Amino acid sequence: MPPRAKIPDEQVLIAWDRWKSGESIRSIAEEYGVAYQTLVRRMRKLIGEEKVRALGRLRQKKMNRRVETTCAYCGKKITVPLHELKEKNYCSQACAQKDRRKVDEKIIEKAYQRWKKGEPLYKIAKDVGVSDVALFKAIEKKYGREEAKRLGKLARLRGREKIRKVFLDRIDVKTVRAVVDK
């Protein structure tokens, strides 16, 4: 078992002042090379049990203080505990998820229109800055699975040059198969 680290009384008093000014007791103890429990024990011995406990309670109250901020996605005013204040705060999990999305609603609409006109999805995705799979899934989620599949099949057929001109607004998969089979 390693020998216990000793800390002089002067350092304990300095650590007490630093702790009162707001510094973490763990960081102070780490700096002195002792366990934080050792530092607290020494403070209790030199300064007094009640003063150390009172300061601990006061610091705990400061940790529970709440601050008003705004949601990073929707702009709604929210209150969060001071210790949980971050660069981006959200009012709900839904707002946090929406903010993390790379594909916005406007981008999906524009990409869908370009894809309907016959532009390859991988080129559209490259322009937008996401993968073609992510863009396909976003289109699939907004317009439905069948519509996304239909456009995908038409794009593949168009890529093989089996169909020269197709009016995507008026055609369905059965019509495409009928044309291809002829």
Foldseek 3Di string as FASTA:
>chain_A
DDDADDDDPVLLVVLVVVVLVPDDLCVSCVVVPHGSVVSLVSCCVPVNDVVSVVSVVVVVVLQQDKDWDAAPQPRHIDIDGPVPDDPGDHPDPVSVVQVPDLQDPVLLVVLVVVLQVQDDQQVSCVVSVHGSVSSLVVNCVVVHVQLSVFSVVVNVCVVVVLDPDDNSVPDGPVVVVVSSVD
